[in-house]
PDB file of all heavy atoms in Angstrom:
ATOM      1  N   TYR A   1       5.372  27.096  -9.914  1.00  0.00           N
ATOM      2  CA  TYR A   1       5.010  28.020  -8.751  1.00  0.00           C
ATOM      3  C   TYR A   1       6.363  28.481  -8.093  1.00  0.00           C
ATOM      4  O   TYR A   1       7.335  27.686  -8.042  1.00  0.00           O
ATOM      5  CB  TYR A   1       4.253  27.195  -7.653  1.00  0.00           C
ATOM      6  CG  TYR A   1       2.867  26.912  -8.051  1.00  0.00           C
ATOM      7  CD1 TYR A   1       2.540  25.719  -8.584  1.00  0.00           C
ATOM      8  CD2 TYR A   1       1.820  27.819  -7.839  1.00  0.00           C
ATOM      9  CE1 TYR A   1       1.235  25.402  -8.993  1.00  0.00           C
ATOM     10  CE2 TYR A   1       0.561  27.521  -8.134  1.00  0.00           C
ATOM     11  CZ  TYR A   1       0.198  26.336  -8.737  1.00  0.00           C
ATOM     12  OH  TYR A   1      -0.926  26.046  -9.111  1.00  0.00           O
ATOM     13  N   GLY A   2       6.289  29.660  -7.619  1.00  0.00           N
ATOM     14  CA  GLY A   2       7.486  30.058  -6.744  1.00  0.00           C
ATOM     15  C   GLY A   2       7.572  29.342  -5.536  1.00  0.00           C
ATOM     16  O   GLY A   2       6.380  28.939  -4.921  1.00  0.00           O
ATOM     17  N   SER A   3       8.626  29.193  -4.880  1.00  0.00           N
ATOM     18  CA  SER A   3       8.824  28.359  -3.624  1.00  0.00           C
ATOM     19  C   SER A   3       8.014  28.857  -2.440  1.00  0.00           C
ATOM     20  O   SER A   3       7.629  28.120  -1.565  1.00  0.00           O
ATOM     21  CB  SER A   3      10.285  28.143  -3.273  1.00  0.00           C
ATOM     22  OG  SER A   3      10.918  29.303  -3.111  1.00  0.00           O
ATOM     23  N   SER A   4       7.869  30.124  -2.388  1.00  0.00           N
ATOM     24  CA  SER A   4       7.178  30.673  -1.259  1.00  0.00           C
ATOM     25  C   SER A   4       5.731  30.581  -1.242  1.00  0.00           C
ATOM     26  O   SER A   4       5.061  30.798  -0.244  1.00  0.00           O
ATOM     27  CB  SER A   4       7.566  32.248  -1.089  1.00  0.00           C
ATOM     28  OG  SER A   4       7.120  32.879  -2.225  1.00  0.00           O
ATOM     29  N   VAL A   5       5.131  30.066  -2.321  1.00  0.00           N
ATOM     30  CA  VAL A   5       3.657  30.030  -2.514  1.00  0.00           C
ATOM     31  C   VAL A   5       3.223  28.631  -2.744  1.00  0.00           C
ATOM     32  O   VAL A   5       2.052  28.357  -2.701  1.00  0.00           O
ATOM     33  CB  VAL A   5       3.019  30.974  -3.548  1.00  0.00           C
ATOM     34  CG1 VAL A   5       3.534  32.352  -3.249  1.00  0.00           C
ATOM     35  CG2 VAL A   5       3.405  30.501  -4.883  1.00  0.00           C
ATOM     36  N   LYS A   6       4.084  27.704  -2.959  1.00  0.00           N
ATOM     37  CA  LYS A   6       3.637  26.339  -3.217  1.00  0.00           C
ATOM     38  C   LYS A   6       2.845  25.765  -2.039  1.00  0.00           C
ATOM     39  O   LYS A   6       3.238  25.878  -0.935  1.00  0.00           O
ATOM     40  CB  LYS A   6       4.928  25.442  -3.344  1.00  0.00           C
ATOM     41  CG  LYS A   6       5.710  25.576  -4.725  1.00  0.00           C
ATOM     42  CD  LYS A   6       6.865  24.611  -4.922  1.00  0.00           C
ATOM     43  CE  LYS A   6       7.432  24.765  -6.248  1.00  0.00           C
ATOM     44  NZ  LYS A   6       8.691  23.921  -6.504  1.00  0.00           N
ATOM     45  N   GLY A   7       1.826  25.098  -2.423  1.00  0.00           N
ATOM     46  CA  GLY A   7       0.945  24.436  -1.350  1.00  0.00           C
ATOM     47  C   GLY A   7      -0.151  25.424  -0.913  1.00  0.00           C
ATOM     48  O   GLY A   7      -1.084  24.960  -0.159  1.00  0.00           O
ATOM     49  N   ARG A   8       0.062  26.749  -1.183  1.00  0.00           N
ATOM     50  CA  ARG A   8      -0.927  27.756  -0.639  1.00  0.00           C
ATOM     51  C   ARG A   8      -1.816  28.472  -1.801  1.00  0.00           C
ATOM     52  O   ARG A   8      -2.891  28.733  -1.613  1.00  0.00           O
ATOM     53  CB  ARG A   8      -0.331  28.801   0.115  1.00  0.00           C
ATOM     54  CG  ARG A   8       0.434  28.368   1.319  1.00  0.00           C
ATOM     55  CD  ARG A   8       1.006  29.414   2.188  1.00  0.00           C
ATOM     56  NE  ARG A   8       1.930  30.253   1.536  1.00  0.00           N
ATOM     57  CZ  ARG A   8       1.843  31.595   1.377  1.00  0.00           C
ATOM     58  NH1 ARG A   8       0.731  32.192   1.839  1.00  0.00           N
ATOM     59  NH2 ARG A   8       2.724  32.269   0.737  1.00  0.00           N
ATOM     60  N   PHE A   9      -1.114  28.594  -2.905  1.00  0.00           N
ATOM     61  CA  PHE A   9      -1.737  29.299  -4.092  1.00  0.00           C
ATOM     62  C   PHE A   9      -1.879  28.268  -5.207  1.00  0.00           C
ATOM     63  O   PHE A   9      -1.101  27.238  -5.300  1.00  0.00           O
ATOM     64  CB  PHE A   9      -0.673  30.372  -4.689  1.00  0.00           C
ATOM     65  CG  PHE A   9      -0.531  31.576  -3.684  1.00  0.00           C
ATOM     66  CD1 PHE A   9      -1.010  31.571  -2.416  1.00  0.00           C
ATOM     67  CD2 PHE A   9       0.140  32.697  -4.248  1.00  0.00           C
ATOM     68  CE1 PHE A   9      -0.713  32.637  -1.532  1.00  0.00           C
ATOM     69  CE2 PHE A   9       0.320  33.754  -3.400  1.00  0.00           C
ATOM     70  CZ  PHE A   9      -0.232  33.704  -2.093  1.00  0.00           C
ATOM     71  N   THR A  10      -2.938  28.492  -6.030  1.00  0.00           N
ATOM     72  CA  THR A  10      -3.370  27.564  -7.165  1.00  0.00           C
ATOM     73  C   THR A  10      -3.642  28.561  -8.307  1.00  0.00           C
ATOM     74  O   THR A  10      -4.367  29.422  -8.244  1.00  0.00           O
ATOM     75  CB  THR A  10      -4.435  26.701  -6.878  1.00  0.00           C
ATOM     76  OG1 THR A  10      -4.207  25.970  -5.593  1.00  0.00           O
ATOM     77  CG2 THR A  10      -4.785  25.742  -7.914  1.00  0.00           C
ATOM     78  N   ILE A  11      -2.840  28.223  -9.472  1.00  0.00           N
ATOM     79  CA  ILE A  11      -3.178  28.978 -10.770  1.00  0.00           C
ATOM     80  C   ILE A  11      -4.004  27.934 -11.602  1.00  0.00           C
ATOM     81  O   ILE A  11      -3.774  26.862 -11.646  1.00  0.00           O
ATOM     82  CB  ILE A  11      -1.839  29.315 -11.340  1.00  0.00           C
ATOM     83  CG1 ILE A  11      -2.175  30.362 -12.459  1.00  0.00           C
ATOM     84  CG2 ILE A  11      -1.056  28.180 -11.861  1.00  0.00           C
ATOM     85  CD1 ILE A  11      -0.916  30.982 -13.061  1.00  0.00           C
ATOM     86  N   SER A  12      -4.864  28.671 -12.290  1.00  0.00           N
ATOM     87  CA  SER A  12      -5.704  27.867 -13.254  1.00  0.00           C
ATOM     88  C   SER A  12      -5.966  28.929 -14.410  1.00  0.00           C
ATOM     89  O   SER A  12      -5.734  30.066 -14.373  1.00  0.00           O
ATOM     90  CB  SER A  12      -7.046  27.568 -12.578  1.00  0.00           C
ATOM     91  OG  SER A  12      -7.764  28.643 -12.184  1.00  0.00           O
ATOM     92  N   ARG A  13      -6.314  28.199 -15.659  1.00  0.00           N
ATOM     93  CA  ARG A  13      -6.570  28.987 -16.786  1.00  0.00           C
ATOM     94  C   ARG A  13      -7.816  28.486 -17.484  1.00  0.00           C
ATOM     95  O   ARG A  13      -8.081  27.320 -17.563  1.00  0.00           O
ATOM     96  CB  ARG A  13      -5.374  28.779 -17.677  1.00  0.00           C
ATOM     97  CG  ARG A  13      -5.350  29.464 -18.951  1.00  0.00           C
ATOM     98  CD  ARG A  13      -3.904  29.383 -19.631  1.00  0.00           C
ATOM     99  NE  ARG A  13      -3.925  30.044 -20.862  1.00  0.00           N
ATOM    100  CZ  ARG A  13      -2.848  30.220 -21.535  1.00  0.00           C
ATOM    101  NH1 ARG A  13      -1.607  29.941 -21.125  1.00  0.00           N
ATOM    102  NH2 ARG A  13      -2.856  30.801 -22.883  1.00  0.00           N
ATOM    103  N   ASP A  14      -8.491  29.430 -18.016  1.00  0.00           N
ATOM    104  CA  ASP A  14      -9.771  29.209 -18.824  1.00  0.00           C
ATOM    105  C   ASP A  14      -9.538  29.678 -20.320  1.00  0.00           C
ATOM    106  O   ASP A  14      -9.655  30.835 -20.460  1.00  0.00           O
ATOM    107  CB  ASP A  14     -10.963  29.813 -18.223  1.00  0.00           C
ATOM    108  CG  ASP A  14     -12.238  29.408 -18.974  1.00  0.00           C
ATOM    109  OD1 ASP A  14     -12.130  28.925 -20.073  1.00  0.00           O
ATOM    110  OD2 ASP A  14     -13.340  29.496 -18.388  1.00  0.00           O
ATOM    111  N   ASN A  15      -9.062  28.737 -21.141  1.00  0.00           N
ATOM    112  CA  ASN A  15      -8.782  29.317 -22.448  1.00  0.00           C
ATOM    113  C   ASN A  15      -9.901  29.740 -23.247  1.00  0.00           C
ATOM    114  O   ASN A  15      -9.691  30.656 -24.100  1.00  0.00           O
ATOM    115  CB  ASN A  15      -8.057  28.140 -23.359  1.00  0.00           C
ATOM    116  CG  ASN A  15      -6.560  27.732 -22.765  1.00  0.00           C
ATOM    117  OD1 ASN A  15      -5.964  28.595 -22.143  1.00  0.00           O
ATOM    118  ND2 ASN A  15      -6.207  26.516 -22.891  1.00  0.00           N
ATOM    119  N   THR A  16     -11.072  29.302 -22.855  1.00  0.00           N
ATOM    120  CA  THR A  16     -12.278  29.716 -23.615  1.00  0.00           C
ATOM    121  C   THR A  16     -12.614  31.324 -23.248  1.00  0.00           C
ATOM    122  O   THR A  16     -13.254  32.028 -24.062  1.00  0.00           O
ATOM    123  CB  THR A  16     -13.409  28.903 -23.190  1.00  0.00           C
ATOM    124  OG1 THR A  16     -13.818  29.112 -21.888  1.00  0.00           O
ATOM    125  CG2 THR A  16     -13.208  27.531 -23.580  1.00  0.00           C
ATOM    126  N   LYS A  17     -12.141  31.640 -22.080  1.00  0.00           N
ATOM    127  CA  LYS A  17     -12.409  32.960 -21.650  1.00  0.00           C
ATOM    128  C   LYS A  17     -11.089  33.802 -21.688  1.00  0.00           C
ATOM    129  O   LYS A  17     -11.059  34.990 -21.288  1.00  0.00           O
ATOM    130  CB  LYS A  17     -12.964  33.020 -20.208  1.00  0.00           C
ATOM    131  CG  LYS A  17     -14.201  32.367 -20.137  1.00  0.00           C
ATOM    132  CD  LYS A  17     -14.693  32.526 -18.647  1.00  0.00           C
ATOM    133  CE  LYS A  17     -16.200  31.855 -18.560  1.00  0.00           C
ATOM    134  NZ  LYS A  17     -16.777  31.963 -17.205  1.00  0.00           N
ATOM    135  N   ASN A  18     -10.104  33.296 -22.222  1.00  0.00           N
ATOM    136  CA  ASN A  18      -8.706  33.951 -22.184  1.00  0.00           C
ATOM    137  C   ASN A  18      -8.333  34.592 -20.929  1.00  0.00           C
ATOM    138  O   ASN A  18      -7.825  35.709 -20.914  1.00  0.00           O
ATOM    139  CB  ASN A  18      -8.706  35.154 -23.373  1.00  0.00           C
ATOM    140  CG  ASN A  18      -9.095  34.559 -24.738  1.00  0.00           C
ATOM    141  OD1 ASN A  18      -8.609  33.600 -25.110  1.00  0.00           O
ATOM    142  ND2 ASN A  18     -10.021  35.258 -25.255  1.00  0.00           N
ATOM    143  N   SER A  19      -8.627  33.724 -19.890  1.00  0.00           N
ATOM    144  CA  SER A  19      -8.326  34.229 -18.544  1.00  0.00           C
ATOM    145  C   SER A  19      -7.452  33.298 -17.727  1.00  0.00           C
ATOM    146  O   SER A  19      -7.443  32.077 -18.003  1.00  0.00           O
ATOM    147  CB  SER A  19      -9.697  34.407 -17.892  1.00  0.00           C
ATOM    148  OG  SER A  19     -10.480  35.374 -18.358  1.00  0.00           O
ATOM    149  N   VAL A  20      -6.836  33.873 -16.675  1.00  0.00           N
ATOM    150  CA  VAL A  20      -6.038  33.062 -15.770  1.00  0.00           C
ATOM    151  C   VAL A  20      -6.464  33.585 -14.399  1.00  0.00           C
ATOM    152  O   VAL A  20      -6.788  34.783 -14.142  1.00  0.00           O
ATOM    153  CB  VAL A  20      -4.631  33.341 -15.927  1.00  0.00           C
ATOM    154  CG1 VAL A  20      -4.130  34.821 -15.826  1.00  0.00           C
ATOM    155  CG2 VAL A  20      -3.737  32.249 -15.053  1.00  0.00           C
ATOM    156  N   TYR A  21      -6.333  32.695 -13.443  1.00  0.00           N
ATOM    157  CA  TYR A  21      -6.907  32.953 -12.029  1.00  0.00           C
ATOM    158  C   TYR A  21      -5.845  32.540 -11.105  1.00  0.00           C
ATOM    159  O   TYR A  21      -5.075  31.570 -11.333  1.00  0.00           O
ATOM    160  CB  TYR A  21      -8.133  32.098 -11.746  1.00  0.00           C
ATOM    161  CG  TYR A  21      -9.319  32.370 -12.855  1.00  0.00           C
ATOM    162  CD1 TYR A  21      -9.477  31.545 -13.819  1.00  0.00           C
ATOM    163  CD2 TYR A  21     -10.064  33.550 -12.819  1.00  0.00           C
ATOM    164  CE1 TYR A  21     -10.309  31.780 -14.855  1.00  0.00           C
ATOM    165  CE2 TYR A  21     -10.935  33.773 -13.776  1.00  0.00           C
ATOM    166  CZ  TYR A  21     -11.156  32.730 -14.798  1.00  0.00           C
ATOM    167  OH  TYR A  21     -12.079  33.066 -15.684  1.00  0.00           O
ATOM    168  N   LEU A  22      -5.709  33.238  -9.978  1.00  0.00           N
ATOM    169  CA  LEU A  22      -4.831  32.897  -8.914  1.00  0.00           C
ATOM    170  C   LEU A  22      -5.710  32.749  -7.655  1.00  0.00           C
ATOM    171  O   LEU A  22      -6.071  33.793  -7.093  1.00  0.00           O
ATOM    172  CB  LEU A  22      -3.749  33.767  -8.693  1.00  0.00           C
ATOM    173  CG  LEU A  22      -2.592  33.447  -7.737  1.00  0.00           C
ATOM    174  CD1 LEU A  22      -1.811  32.170  -8.080  1.00  0.00           C
ATOM    175  CD2 LEU A  22      -1.700  34.670  -7.459  1.00  0.00           C
ATOM    176  N   GLN A  23      -5.853  31.485  -7.083  1.00  0.00           N
ATOM    177  CA  GLN A  23      -6.480  31.333  -5.834  1.00  0.00           C
ATOM    178  C   GLN A  23      -5.423  31.329  -4.685  1.00  0.00           C
ATOM    179  O   GLN A  23      -4.531  30.565  -4.757  1.00  0.00           O
ATOM    180  CB  GLN A  23      -7.240  29.966  -5.837  1.00  0.00           C
ATOM    181  CG  GLN A  23      -7.960  29.704  -4.405  1.00  0.00           C
ATOM    182  CD  GLN A  23      -8.953  30.639  -4.106  1.00  0.00           C
ATOM    183  OE1 GLN A  23      -9.903  31.098  -4.962  1.00  0.00           O
ATOM    184  NE2 GLN A  23      -9.025  31.087  -2.830  1.00  0.00           N
ATOM    185  N   MET A  24      -5.533  32.260  -3.824  1.00  0.00           N
ATOM    186  CA  MET A  24      -4.538  32.382  -2.741  1.00  0.00           C
ATOM    187  C   MET A  24      -5.160  32.215  -1.494  1.00  0.00           C
ATOM    188  O   MET A  24      -6.059  32.683  -0.957  1.00  0.00           O
ATOM    189  CB  MET A  24      -4.005  33.871  -2.697  1.00  0.00           C
ATOM    190  CG  MET A  24      -3.438  34.349  -4.099  1.00  0.00           C
ATOM    191  SD  MET A  24      -2.628  35.876  -4.115  1.00  0.00           S
ATOM    192  CE  MET A  24      -4.241  36.816  -3.805  1.00  0.00           C
ATOM    193  N   ASN A  25      -4.590  31.031  -0.785  1.00  0.00           N
ATOM    194  CA  ASN A  25      -5.164  30.646   0.391  1.00  0.00           C
ATOM    195  C   ASN A  25      -4.027  30.871   1.604  1.00  0.00           C
ATOM    196  O   ASN A  25      -2.848  30.798   1.193  1.00  0.00           O
ATOM    197  CB  ASN A  25      -5.613  29.164   0.469  1.00  0.00           C
ATOM    198  CG  ASN A  25      -6.777  29.034  -0.301  1.00  0.00           C
ATOM    199  OD1 ASN A  25      -7.551  29.877  -0.688  1.00  0.00           O
ATOM    200  ND2 ASN A  25      -6.776  27.767  -1.078  1.00  0.00           N
ATOM    201  N   SER A  26      -4.432  30.739   2.844  1.00  0.00           N
ATOM    202  CA  SER A  26      -3.473  30.886   4.043  1.00  0.00           C
ATOM    203  C   SER A  26      -2.538  31.955   3.799  1.00  0.00           C
ATOM    204  O   SER A  26      -1.380  31.845   3.899  1.00  0.00           O
ATOM    205  CB  SER A  26      -2.642  29.551   3.997  1.00  0.00           C
ATOM    206  OG  SER A  26      -3.567  28.416   4.298  1.00  0.00           O
ATOM    207  N   LEU A  27      -3.070  33.040   3.469  1.00  0.00           N
ATOM    208  CA  LEU A  27      -2.288  34.320   3.133  1.00  0.00           C
ATOM    209  C   LEU A  27      -1.500  34.765   4.468  1.00  0.00           C
ATOM    210  O   LEU A  27      -1.933  34.775   5.581  1.00  0.00           O
ATOM    211  CB  LEU A  27      -3.103  35.463   2.647  1.00  0.00           C
ATOM    212  CG  LEU A  27      -3.532  35.200   1.099  1.00  0.00           C
ATOM    213  CD1 LEU A  27      -4.691  36.051   0.819  1.00  0.00           C
ATOM    214  CD2 LEU A  27      -2.368  35.626   0.219  1.00  0.00           C
ATOM    215  N   LYS A  28      -0.326  35.265   4.077  1.00  0.00           N
ATOM    216  CA  LYS A  28       0.575  35.786   5.217  1.00  0.00           C
ATOM    217  C   LYS A  28       0.903  37.151   4.879  1.00  0.00           C
ATOM    218  O   LYS A  28       0.886  37.685   3.813  1.00  0.00           O
ATOM    219  CB  LYS A  28       2.009  34.840   5.147  1.00  0.00           C
ATOM    220  CG  LYS A  28       1.781  33.465   5.221  1.00  0.00           C
ATOM    221  CD  LYS A  28       3.116  32.625   5.116  1.00  0.00           C
ATOM    222  CE  LYS A  28       2.938  31.272   5.156  1.00  0.00           C
ATOM    223  NZ  LYS A  28       4.244  30.553   4.946  1.00  0.00           N
ATOM    224  N   PRO A  29       1.434  37.876   5.965  1.00  0.00           N
ATOM    225  CA  PRO A  29       1.753  39.253   5.800  1.00  0.00           C
ATOM    226  C   PRO A  29       2.835  39.582   4.685  1.00  0.00           C
ATOM    227  O   PRO A  29       2.832  40.423   3.964  1.00  0.00           O
ATOM    228  CB  PRO A  29       2.285  39.826   7.201  1.00  0.00           C
ATOM    229  CG  PRO A  29       1.469  38.951   8.094  1.00  0.00           C
ATOM    230  CD  PRO A  29       1.356  37.586   7.468  1.00  0.00           C
ATOM    231  N   GLU A  30       3.697  38.574   4.530  1.00  0.00           N
ATOM    232  CA  GLU A  30       4.767  38.656   3.592  1.00  0.00           C
ATOM    233  C   GLU A  30       4.263  38.495   2.141  1.00  0.00           C
ATOM    234  O   GLU A  30       5.155  38.501   1.149  1.00  0.00           O
ATOM    235  CB  GLU A  30       5.870  37.728   3.875  1.00  0.00           C
ATOM    236  CG  GLU A  30       5.406  36.230   4.129  1.00  0.00           C
ATOM    237  CD  GLU A  30       5.405  35.896   5.634  1.00  0.00           C
ATOM    238  OE1 GLU A  30       4.788  36.688   6.368  1.00  0.00           O
ATOM    239  OE2 GLU A  30       5.720  34.716   6.069  1.00  0.00           O
TER     240      GLU A  30
END
């Protein structure tokens, strides 16, 4: 993870669907 998103964003991957997801919480204007 990039330092600015650690603890707020979570990346996950589903190899069966060839997909990757990014859950973004506590979003900031930056």
